[in-house]
Amino acid sequence: MFRELLPYVDESWLDRPGDYTARQRRGQDCSLTMVFLTGSEQAEIRYFFGSESEGLPRDIRDFVYAAIDVTQAWYEEQQQVAGKAKTEPAAKKQRWKFW
């Protein structure tokens, strides 16, 4: 899945890790944390903003929207699996055996 997101990754993000806060945070507090691992290096970027405020920078927002598009089918499949596991009778559920 990540290969499909590569066109949306800006390499300059790796040079500007840290915390960023929207100037005028309005509404409920929101945050986004992105962690990129490149070999032995790690870049972590955190954005803090409000649900009614300006939001994320355009490049970050485009990446997030692309990530949602790329993972939506997988997410829906996982929701179905989780829902099936909740409704499946106890006798049919797979149980772990430790012996």
PDB file of N, CA and C in Angstrom:
ATOM      1  N   MET A   1       0.802  -1.191   0.000  1.00  0.00           N
ATOM      2  CA  MET A   1       0.000   0.000   0.000  1.00  0.00           C
ATOM      3  C   MET A   1       0.855   1.269   0.000  1.00  0.00           C
ATOM      4  N   PHE A   2       1.977   1.204   0.718  1.00  0.00           N
ATOM      5  CA  PHE A   2       2.784   2.421   0.834  1.00  0.00           C
ATOM      6  C   PHE A   2       3.328   2.872  -0.512  1.00  0.00           C
ATOM      7  N   ARG A   3       3.608   1.932  -1.390  1.00  0.00           N
ATOM      8  CA  ARG A   3       4.117   2.307  -2.723  1.00  0.00           C
ATOM      9  C   ARG A   3       3.137   3.230  -3.446  1.00  0.00           C
ATOM     10  N   GLU A   4       1.848   2.998  -3.240  1.00  0.00           N
ATOM     11  CA  GLU A   4       0.846   3.850  -3.878  1.00  0.00           C
ATOM     12  C   GLU A   4       0.850   5.262  -3.288  1.00  0.00           C
ATOM     13  N   LEU A   5       1.372   5.398  -2.080  1.00  0.00           N
ATOM     14  CA  LEU A   5       1.408   6.709  -1.423  1.00  0.00           C
ATOM     15  C   LEU A   5       2.695   7.483  -1.699  1.00  0.00           C
ATOM     16  N   LEU A   6       3.702   6.811  -2.193  1.00  0.00           N
ATOM     17  CA  LEU A   6       4.994   7.475  -2.421  1.00  0.00           C
ATOM     18  C   LEU A   6       4.901   8.770  -3.224  1.00  0.00           C
ATOM     19  N   PRO A   7       4.068   8.838  -4.263  1.00  0.00           N
ATOM     20  CA  PRO A   7       3.981  10.100  -5.004  1.00  0.00           C
ATOM     21  C   PRO A   7       3.500  11.280  -4.146  1.00  0.00           C
ATOM     22  N   TYR A   8       2.866  10.988  -3.022  1.00  0.00           N
ATOM     23  CA  TYR A   8       2.337  12.039  -2.157  1.00  0.00           C
ATOM     24  C   TYR A   8       3.290  12.418  -1.029  1.00  0.00           C
ATOM     25  N   VAL A   9       4.391  11.683  -0.890  1.00  0.00           N
ATOM     26  CA  VAL A   9       5.363  11.957   0.170  1.00  0.00           C
ATOM     27  C   VAL A   9       6.344  13.013  -0.314  1.00  0.00           C
ATOM     28  N   ASP A  10       6.489  14.046   0.475  1.00  0.00           N
ATOM     29  CA  ASP A  10       7.439  15.123   0.169  1.00  0.00           C
ATOM     30  C   ASP A  10       8.702  14.860   0.989  1.00  0.00           C
ATOM     31  N   GLU A  11       9.807  14.629   0.320  1.00  0.00           N
ATOM     32  CA  GLU A  11      11.053  14.297   1.026  1.00  0.00           C
ATOM     33  C   GLU A  11      11.488  15.387   1.998  1.00  0.00           C
ATOM     34  N   SER A  12      11.040  16.612   1.781  1.00  0.00           N
ATOM     35  CA  SER A  12      11.416  17.697   2.699  1.00  0.00           C
ATOM     36  C   SER A  12      10.805  17.494   4.086  1.00  0.00           C
ATOM     37  N   TRP A  13       9.754  16.657   4.189  1.00  0.00           N
ATOM     38  CA  TRP A  13       9.170  16.375   5.502  1.00  0.00           C
ATOM     39  C   TRP A  13      10.213  15.763   6.433  1.00  0.00           C
ATOM     40  N   LEU A  14      11.126  14.984   5.850  1.00  0.00           N
ATOM     41  CA  LEU A  14      12.157  14.330   6.661  1.00  0.00           C
ATOM     42  C   LEU A  14      13.124  15.340   7.261  1.00  0.00           C
ATOM     43  N   ASP A  15      13.203  16.524   6.653  1.00  0.00           N
ATOM     44  CA  ASP A  15      14.104  17.565   7.141  1.00  0.00           C
ATOM     45  C   ASP A  15      13.438  18.520   8.123  1.00  0.00           C
ATOM     46  N   ARG A  16      12.148  18.373   8.345  1.00  0.00           N
ATOM     47  CA  ARG A  16      11.454  19.289   9.252  1.00  0.00           C
ATOM     48  C   ARG A  16      10.579  18.562  10.275  1.00  0.00           C
ATOM     49  N   PRO A  17      11.180  17.613  11.006  1.00  0.00           N
ATOM     50  CA  PRO A  17      10.400  16.934  12.032  1.00  0.00           C
ATOM     51  C   PRO A  17      10.071  17.903  13.168  1.00  0.00           C
ATOM     52  N   GLY A  18       9.094  17.547  13.969  1.00  0.00           N
ATOM     53  CA  GLY A  18       8.751  18.365  15.128  1.00  0.00           C
ATOM     54  C   GLY A  18       7.257  18.561  15.258  1.00  0.00           C
ATOM     55  N   ASP A  19       6.903  19.504  16.137  1.00  0.00           N
ATOM     56  CA  ASP A  19       5.508  19.803  16.424  1.00  0.00           C
ATOM     57  C   ASP A  19       5.108  21.110  15.759  1.00  0.00           C
ATOM     58  N   TYR A  20       3.930  21.114  15.170  1.00  0.00           N
ATOM     59  CA  TYR A  20       3.391  22.307  14.529  1.00  0.00           C
ATOM     60  C   TYR A  20       1.970  22.524  15.046  1.00  0.00           C
ATOM     61  N   THR A  21       1.665  23.761  15.414  1.00  0.00           N
ATOM     62  CA  THR A  21       0.345  24.092  15.947  1.00  0.00           C
ATOM     63  C   THR A  21      -0.294  25.163  15.074  1.00  0.00           C
ATOM     64  N   ALA A  22      -1.562  24.955  14.723  1.00  0.00           N
ATOM     65  CA  ALA A  22      -2.294  25.939  13.934  1.00  0.00           C
ATOM     66  C   ALA A  22      -2.376  27.249  14.712  1.00  0.00           C
ATOM     67  N   ARG A  23      -2.283  28.364  14.004  1.00  0.00           N
ATOM     68  CA  ARG A  23      -2.289  29.684  14.640  1.00  0.00           C
ATOM     69  C   ARG A  23      -3.561  29.944  15.434  1.00  0.00           C
ATOM     70  N   GLN A  24      -4.683  29.702  14.836  1.00  0.00           N
ATOM     71  CA  GLN A  24      -5.960  29.977  15.489  1.00  0.00           C
ATOM     72  C   GLN A  24      -6.753  28.676  15.601  1.00  0.00           C
ATOM     73  N   ARG A  25      -6.503  27.961  16.683  1.00  0.00           N
ATOM     74  CA  ARG A  25      -7.202  26.692  16.893  1.00  0.00           C
ATOM     75  C   ARG A  25      -8.613  26.978  17.391  1.00  0.00           C
ATOM     76  N   ARG A  26      -9.586  26.496  16.633  1.00  0.00           N
ATOM     77  CA  ARG A  26     -10.988  26.638  17.017  1.00  0.00           C
ATOM     78  C   ARG A  26     -11.644  25.263  16.954  1.00  0.00           C
ATOM     79  N   GLY A  27     -12.626  25.054  17.795  1.00  0.00           N
ATOM     80  CA  GLY A  27     -13.328  23.775  17.801  1.00  0.00           C
ATOM     81  C   GLY A  27     -12.596  22.759  18.664  1.00  0.00           C
ATOM     82  N   GLN A  28     -12.962  21.510  18.469  1.00  0.00           N
ATOM     83  CA  GLN A  28     -12.355  20.433  19.253  1.00  0.00           C
ATOM     84  C   GLN A  28     -10.902  20.228  18.841  1.00  0.00           C
ATOM     85  N   ASP A  29     -10.080  19.873  19.807  1.00  0.00           N
ATOM     86  CA  ASP A  29      -8.666  19.630  19.531  1.00  0.00           C
ATOM     87  C   ASP A  29      -8.503  18.404  18.638  1.00  0.00           C
ATOM     88  N   CYS A  30      -7.669  18.538  17.638  1.00  0.00           N
ATOM     89  CA  CYS A  30      -7.339  17.447  16.719  1.00  0.00           C
ATOM     90  C   CYS A  30      -5.824  17.374  16.598  1.00  0.00           C
ATOM     91  N   SER A  31      -5.326  16.190  16.304  1.00  0.00           N
ATOM     92  CA  SER A  31      -3.887  16.054  16.075  1.00  0.00           C
ATOM     93  C   SER A  31      -3.642  14.972  15.036  1.00  0.00           C
ATOM     94  N   LEU A  32      -2.528  15.099  14.375  1.00  0.00           N
ATOM     95  CA  LEU A  32      -2.083  14.116  13.395  1.00  0.00           C
ATOM     96  C   LEU A  32      -0.603  13.889  13.647  1.00  0.00           C
ATOM     97  N   THR A  33      -0.219  12.634  13.774  1.00  0.00           N
ATOM     98  CA  THR A  33       1.190  12.283  13.934  1.00  0.00           C
ATOM     99  C   THR A  33       1.586  11.393  12.768  1.00  0.00           C
ATOM    100  N   MET A  34       2.666  11.766  12.104  1.00  0.00           N
ATOM    101  CA  MET A  34       3.206  10.956  11.005  1.00  0.00           C
ATOM    102  C   MET A  34       4.638  10.590  11.376  1.00  0.00           C
ATOM    103  N   VAL A  35       4.970   9.319  11.230  1.00  0.00           N
ATOM    104  CA  VAL A  35       6.318   8.845  11.520  1.00  0.00           C
ATOM    105  C   VAL A  35       6.851   8.179  10.264  1.00  0.00           C
ATOM    106  N   PHE A  36       8.012   8.635   9.826  1.00  0.00           N
ATOM    107  CA  PHE A  36       8.667   8.069   8.645  1.00  0.00           C
ATOM    108  C   PHE A  36       9.985   7.442   9.081  1.00  0.00           C
ATOM    109  N   LEU A  37      10.187   6.189   8.673  1.00  0.00           N
ATOM    110  CA  LEU A  37      11.428   5.484   8.964  1.00  0.00           C
ATOM    111  C   LEU A  37      12.191   5.307   7.663  1.00  0.00           C
ATOM    112  N   THR A  38      13.439   5.755   7.656  1.00  0.00           N
ATOM    113  CA  THR A  38      14.291   5.591   6.479  1.00  0.00           C
ATOM    114  C   THR A  38      15.601   4.981   6.944  1.00  0.00           C
ATOM    115  N   GLY A  39      15.721   3.690   6.777  1.00  0.00           N
ATOM    116  CA  GLY A  39      16.933   3.019   7.260  1.00  0.00           C
ATOM    117  C   GLY A  39      17.029   3.145   8.769  1.00  0.00           C
ATOM    118  N   SER A  40      18.052   3.835   9.237  1.00  0.00           N
ATOM    119  CA  SER A  40      18.237   4.004  10.677  1.00  0.00           C
ATOM    120  C   SER A  40      17.698   5.340  11.183  1.00  0.00           C
ATOM    121  N   GLU A  41      17.160   6.170  10.297  1.00  0.00           N
ATOM    122  CA  GLU A  41      16.649   7.478  10.698  1.00  0.00           C
ATOM    123  C   GLU A  41      15.132   7.455  10.859  1.00  0.00           C
ATOM    124  N   GLN A  42      14.661   8.331  11.727  1.00  0.00           N
ATOM    125  CA  GLN A  42      13.228   8.460  11.960  1.00  0.00           C
ATOM    126  C   GLN A  42      12.866   9.935  11.983  1.00  0.00           C
ATOM    127  N   ALA A  43      11.801  10.281  11.302  1.00  0.00           N
ATOM    128  CA  ALA A  43      11.291  11.651  11.327  1.00  0.00           C
ATOM    129  C   ALA A  43       9.845  11.598  11.791  1.00  0.00           C
ATOM    130  N   GLU A  44       9.551  12.337  12.844  1.00  0.00           N
ATOM    131  CA  GLU A  44       8.195  12.375  13.386  1.00  0.00           C
ATOM    132  C   GLU A  44       7.677  13.800  13.295  1.00  0.00           C
ATOM    133  N   ILE A  45       6.514  13.937  12.683  1.00  0.00           N
ATOM    134  CA  ILE A  45       5.897  15.250  12.498  1.00  0.00           C
ATOM    135  C   ILE A  45       4.526  15.201  13.166  1.00  0.00           C
ATOM    136  N   ARG A  46       4.257  16.178  14.017  1.00  0.00           N
ATOM    137  CA  ARG A  46       2.968  16.250  14.697  1.00  0.00           C
ATOM    138  C   ARG A  46       2.304  17.589  14.406  1.00  0.00           C
ATOM    139  N   TYR A  47       1.042  17.531  14.044  1.00  0.00           N
ATOM    140  CA  TYR A  47       0.253  18.740  13.799  1.00  0.00           C
ATOM    141  C   TYR A  47      -0.884  18.790  14.811  1.00  0.00           C
ATOM    142  N   PHE A  48      -1.071  19.962  15.408  1.00  0.00           N
ATOM    143  CA  PHE A  48      -2.161  20.191  16.353  1.00  0.00           C
ATOM    144  C   PHE A  48      -3.030  21.296  15.773  1.00  0.00           C
ATOM    145  N   PHE A  49      -4.322  21.038  15.664  1.00  0.00           N
ATOM    146  CA  PHE A  49      -5.229  22.002  15.063  1.00  0.00           C
ATOM    147  C   PHE A  49      -6.618  21.772  15.648  1.00  0.00           C
ATOM    148  N   GLY A  50      -7.547  22.615  15.312  1.00  0.00           N
ATOM    149  CA  GLY A  50      -8.913  22.478  15.793  1.00  0.00           C
ATOM    150  C   GLY A  50      -9.837  22.009  14.692  1.00  0.00           C
ATOM    151  N   SER A  51     -10.932  21.392  15.085  1.00  0.00           N
ATOM    152  CA  SER A  51     -11.892  20.879  14.100  1.00  0.00           C
ATOM    153  C   SER A  51     -12.521  21.998  13.279  1.00  0.00           C
ATOM    154  N   GLU A  52     -12.494  23.221  13.778  1.00  0.00           N
ATOM    155  CA  GLU A  52     -13.075  24.360  13.077  1.00  0.00           C
ATOM    156  C   GLU A  52     -11.999  25.321  12.566  1.00  0.00           C
ATOM    157  N   SER A  53     -10.744  24.938  12.690  1.00  0.00           N
ATOM    158  CA  SER A  53      -9.658  25.841  12.287  1.00  0.00           C
ATOM    159  C   SER A  53      -9.193  25.546  10.871  1.00  0.00           C
ATOM    160  N   GLU A  54      -8.172  26.243  10.475  1.00  0.00           N
ATOM    161  CA  GLU A  54      -7.612  26.169   9.129  1.00  0.00           C
ATOM    162  C   GLU A  54      -7.238  24.743   8.721  1.00  0.00           C
ATOM    163  N   GLY A  55      -6.785  23.923   9.635  1.00  0.00           N
ATOM    164  CA  GLY A  55      -6.447  22.538   9.335  1.00  0.00           C
ATOM    165  C   GLY A  55      -4.994  22.342   8.939  1.00  0.00           C
ATOM    166  N   LEU A  56      -4.759  21.277   8.222  1.00  0.00           N
ATOM    167  CA  LEU A  56      -3.407  20.856   7.856  1.00  0.00           C
ATOM    168  C   LEU A  56      -2.908  21.603   6.627  1.00  0.00           C
ATOM    169  N   PRO A  57      -1.565  21.697   6.487  1.00  0.00           N
ATOM    170  CA  PRO A  57      -1.003  22.245   5.248  1.00  0.00           C
ATOM    171  C   PRO A  57      -1.449  21.381   4.056  1.00  0.00           C
ATOM    172  N   ARG A  58      -1.554  21.997   2.910  1.00  0.00           N
ATOM    173  CA  ARG A  58      -2.087  21.313   1.718  1.00  0.00           C
ATOM    174  C   ARG A  58      -1.344  20.010   1.407  1.00  0.00           C
ATOM    175  N   ASP A  59      -0.007  20.007   1.447  1.00  0.00           N
ATOM    176  CA  ASP A  59       0.728  18.788   1.092  1.00  0.00           C
ATOM    177  C   ASP A  59       0.431  17.647   2.065  1.00  0.00           C
ATOM    178  N   ILE A  60       0.306  17.968   3.347  1.00  0.00           N
ATOM    179  CA  ILE A  60      -0.007  16.954   4.354  1.00  0.00           C
ATOM    180  C   ILE A  60      -1.445  16.474   4.160  1.00  0.00           C
ATOM    181  N   ARG A  61      -2.351  17.398   3.927  1.00  0.00           N
ATOM    182  CA  ARG A  61      -3.760  17.052   3.710  1.00  0.00           C
ATOM    183  C   ARG A  61      -3.906  16.142   2.493  1.00  0.00           C
ATOM    184  N   ASP A  62      -3.203  16.448   1.405  1.00  0.00           N
ATOM    185  CA  ASP A  62      -3.264  15.601   0.208  1.00  0.00           C
ATOM    186  C   ASP A  62      -2.767  14.188   0.499  1.00  0.00           C
ATOM    187  N   PHE A  63      -1.706  14.098   1.298  1.00  0.00           N
ATOM    188  CA  PHE A  63      -1.174  12.788   1.681  1.00  0.00           C
ATOM    189  C   PHE A  63      -2.206  12.009   2.502  1.00  0.00           C
ATOM    190  N   VAL A  64      -2.838  12.669   3.459  1.00  0.00           N
ATOM    191  CA  VAL A  64      -3.831  12.009   4.311  1.00  0.00           C
ATOM    192  C   VAL A  64      -5.012  11.525   3.467  1.00  0.00           C
ATOM    193  N   TYR A  65      -5.510  12.364   2.567  1.00  0.00           N
ATOM    194  CA  TYR A  65      -6.617  11.953   1.700  1.00  0.00           C
ATOM    195  C   TYR A  65      -6.210  10.759   0.823  1.00  0.00           C
ATOM    196  N   ALA A  66      -4.999  10.780   0.308  1.00  0.00           N
ATOM    197  CA  ALA A  66      -4.523   9.658  -0.519  1.00  0.00           C
ATOM    198  C   ALA A  66      -4.421   8.388   0.328  1.00  0.00           C
ATOM    199  N   ALA A  67      -3.952   8.515   1.562  1.00  0.00           N
ATOM    200  CA  ALA A  67      -3.838   7.356   2.453  1.00  0.00           C
ATOM    201  C   ALA A  67      -5.216   6.755   2.726  1.00  0.00           C
ATOM    202  N   ILE A  68      -6.207   7.609   2.906  1.00  0.00           N
ATOM    203  CA  ILE A  68      -7.576   7.117   3.115  1.00  0.00           C
ATOM    204  C   ILE A  68      -8.051   6.370   1.871  1.00  0.00           C
ATOM    205  N   ASP A  69      -7.838   6.942   0.701  1.00  0.00           N
ATOM    206  CA  ASP A  69      -8.257   6.292  -0.550  1.00  0.00           C
ATOM    207  C   ASP A  69      -7.589   4.931  -0.728  1.00  0.00           C
ATOM    208  N   VAL A  70      -6.292   4.880  -0.465  1.00  0.00           N
ATOM    209  CA  VAL A  70      -5.521   3.651  -0.676  1.00  0.00           C
ATOM    210  C   VAL A  70      -5.928   2.558   0.312  1.00  0.00           C
ATOM    211  N   THR A  71      -6.275   2.927   1.536  1.00  0.00           N
ATOM    212  CA  THR A  71      -6.554   1.922   2.565  1.00  0.00           C
ATOM    213  C   THR A  71      -8.040   1.650   2.784  1.00  0.00           C
ATOM    214  N   GLN A  72      -8.917   2.359   2.105  1.00  0.00           N
ATOM    215  CA  GLN A  72     -10.358   2.233   2.371  1.00  0.00           C
ATOM    216  C   GLN A  72     -10.871   0.804   2.180  1.00  0.00           C
ATOM    217  N   ALA A  73     -10.523   0.149   1.083  1.00  0.00           N
ATOM    218  CA  ALA A  73     -11.004  -1.221   0.838  1.00  0.00           C
ATOM    219  C   ALA A  73     -10.497  -2.168   1.924  1.00  0.00           C
ATOM    220  N   TRP A  74      -9.232  -2.044   2.288  1.00  0.00           N
ATOM    221  CA  TRP A  74      -8.671  -2.877   3.357  1.00  0.00           C
ATOM    222  C   TRP A  74      -9.400  -2.622   4.669  1.00  0.00           C
ATOM    223  N   TYR A  75      -9.659  -1.351   4.994  1.00  0.00           N
ATOM    224  CA  TYR A  75     -10.339  -0.979   6.222  1.00  0.00           C
ATOM    225  C   TYR A  75     -11.737  -1.596   6.279  1.00  0.00           C
ATOM    226  N   GLU A  76     -12.481  -1.485   5.184  1.00  0.00           N
ATOM    227  CA  GLU A  76     -13.827  -2.040   5.146  1.00  0.00           C
ATOM    228  C   GLU A  76     -13.805  -3.560   5.317  1.00  0.00           C
ATOM    229  N   GLU A  77     -12.813  -4.204   4.716  1.00  0.00           N
ATOM    230  CA  GLU A  77     -12.668  -5.652   4.869  1.00  0.00           C
ATOM    231  C   GLU A  77     -12.394  -6.014   6.330  1.00  0.00           C
ATOM    232  N   GLN A  78     -11.538  -5.255   6.985  1.00  0.00           N
ATOM    233  CA  GLN A  78     -11.234  -5.503   8.395  1.00  0.00           C
ATOM    234  C   GLN A  78     -12.465  -5.285   9.275  1.00  0.00           C
ATOM    235  N   GLN A  79     -13.274  -4.291   8.937  1.00  0.00           N
ATOM    236  CA  GLN A  79     -14.500  -4.038   9.694  1.00  0.00           C
ATOM    237  C   GLN A  79     -15.453  -5.231   9.563  1.00  0.00           C
ATOM    238  N   GLN A  80     -15.545  -5.806   8.365  1.00  0.00           N
ATOM    239  CA  GLN A  80     -16.408  -6.971   8.154  1.00  0.00           C
ATOM    240  C   GLN A  80     -15.894  -8.169   8.940  1.00  0.00           C
ATOM    241  N   VAL A  81     -14.581  -8.384   8.929  1.00  0.00           N
ATOM    242  CA  VAL A  81     -13.993  -9.493   9.675  1.00  0.00           C
ATOM    243  C   VAL A  81     -14.263  -9.309  11.168  1.00  0.00           C
ATOM    244  N   ALA A  82     -14.068  -8.101  11.665  1.00  0.00           N
ATOM    245  CA  ALA A  82     -14.307  -7.826  13.086  1.00  0.00           C
ATOM    246  C   ALA A  82     -15.781  -7.997  13.431  1.00  0.00           C
ATOM    247  N   GLY A  83     -16.667  -7.534  12.559  1.00  0.00           N
ATOM    248  CA  GLY A  83     -18.095  -7.689  12.792  1.00  0.00           C
ATOM    249  C   GLY A  83     -18.515  -9.141  12.791  1.00  0.00           C
ATOM    250  N   LYS A  84     -17.959  -9.916  11.882  1.00  0.00           N
ATOM    251  CA  LYS A  84     -18.269 -11.346  11.804  1.00  0.00           C
ATOM    252  C   LYS A  84     -17.795 -12.055  13.061  1.00  0.00           C
ATOM    253  N   ALA A  85     -16.615 -11.680  13.550  1.00  0.00           N
ATOM    254  CA  ALA A  85     -16.084 -12.305  14.756  1.00  0.00           C
ATOM    255  C   ALA A  85     -16.972 -12.011  15.964  1.00  0.00           C
ATOM    256  N   LYS A  86     -17.573 -10.825  15.999  1.00  0.00           N
ATOM    257  CA  LYS A  86     -18.437 -10.464  17.129  1.00  0.00           C
ATOM    258  C   LYS A  86     -19.763 -11.213  17.086  1.00  0.00           C
ATOM    259  N   THR A  87     -20.261 -11.518  15.899  1.00  0.00           N
ATOM    260  CA  THR A  87     -21.576 -12.147  15.774  1.00  0.00           C
ATOM    261  C   THR A  87     -21.511 -13.663  15.628  1.00  0.00           C
ATOM    262  N   GLU A  88     -20.327 -14.201  15.417  1.00  0.00           N
ATOM    263  CA  GLU A  88     -20.176 -15.639  15.232  1.00  0.00           C
ATOM    264  C   GLU A  88     -20.408 -16.354  16.565  1.00  0.00           C
ATOM    265  N   PRO A  89     -21.170 -17.458  16.568  1.00  0.00           N
ATOM    266  CA  PRO A  89     -21.394 -18.189  17.822  1.00  0.00           C
ATOM    267  C   PRO A  89     -20.080 -18.631  18.457  1.00  0.00           C
ATOM    268  N   ALA A  90     -20.062 -18.658  19.766  1.00  0.00           N
ATOM    269  CA  ALA A  90     -18.843 -18.994  20.514  1.00  0.00           C
ATOM    270  C   ALA A  90     -18.281 -20.349  20.114  1.00  0.00           C
ATOM    271  N   ALA A  91     -19.132 -21.308  19.810  1.00  0.00           N
ATOM    272  CA  ALA A  91     -18.667 -22.651  19.456  1.00  0.00           C
ATOM    273  C   ALA A  91     -17.868 -22.659  18.162  1.00  0.00           C
ATOM    274  N   LYS A  92     -18.141 -21.719  17.252  1.00  0.00           N
ATOM    275  CA  LYS A  92     -17.447 -21.696  15.973  1.00  0.00           C
ATOM    276  C   LYS A  92     -16.186 -20.847  15.981  1.00  0.00           C
ATOM    277  N   LYS A  93     -16.006 -20.043  17.004  1.00  0.00           N
ATOM    278  CA  LYS A  93     -14.840 -19.153  17.048  1.00  0.00           C
ATOM    279  C   LYS A  93     -13.565 -19.961  17.246  1.00  0.00           C
ATOM    280  N   GLN A  94     -12.535 -19.544  16.558  1.00  0.00           N
ATOM    281  CA  GLN A  94     -11.225 -20.170  16.690  1.00  0.00           C
ATOM    282  C   GLN A  94     -10.649 -19.818  18.059  1.00  0.00           C
ATOM    283  N   ARG A  95     -10.213 -20.765  18.782  1.00  0.00           N
ATOM    284  CA  ARG A  95      -9.614 -20.526  20.085  1.00  0.00           C
ATOM    285  C   ARG A  95      -8.127 -20.868  20.017  1.00  0.00           C
ATOM    286  N   TRP A  96      -7.337 -20.065  20.696  1.00  0.00           N
ATOM    287  CA  TRP A  96      -5.912 -20.334  20.744  1.00  0.00           C
ATOM    288  C   TRP A  96      -5.642 -21.470  21.714  1.00  0.00           C
ATOM    289  N   LYS A  97      -4.739 -22.317  21.324  1.00  0.00           N
ATOM    290  CA  LYS A  97      -4.318 -23.402  22.216  1.00  0.00           C
ATOM    291  C   LYS A  97      -2.857 -23.172  22.558  1.00  0.00           C
ATOM    292  N   PHE A  98      -2.544 -23.209  23.803  1.00  0.00           N
ATOM    293  CA  PHE A  98      -1.177 -22.957  24.242  1.00  0.00           C
ATOM    294  C   PHE A  98      -0.442 -24.237  24.587  1.00  0.00           C
ATOM    295  N   TRP A  99      -0.989 -25.375  24.198  1.00  0.00           N
ATOM    296  CA  TRP A  99      -0.308 -26.625  24.473  1.00  0.00           C
ATOM    297  C   TRP A  99      -0.130 -27.426  23.236  1.00  0.00           C
TER     298      TRP A  99
END
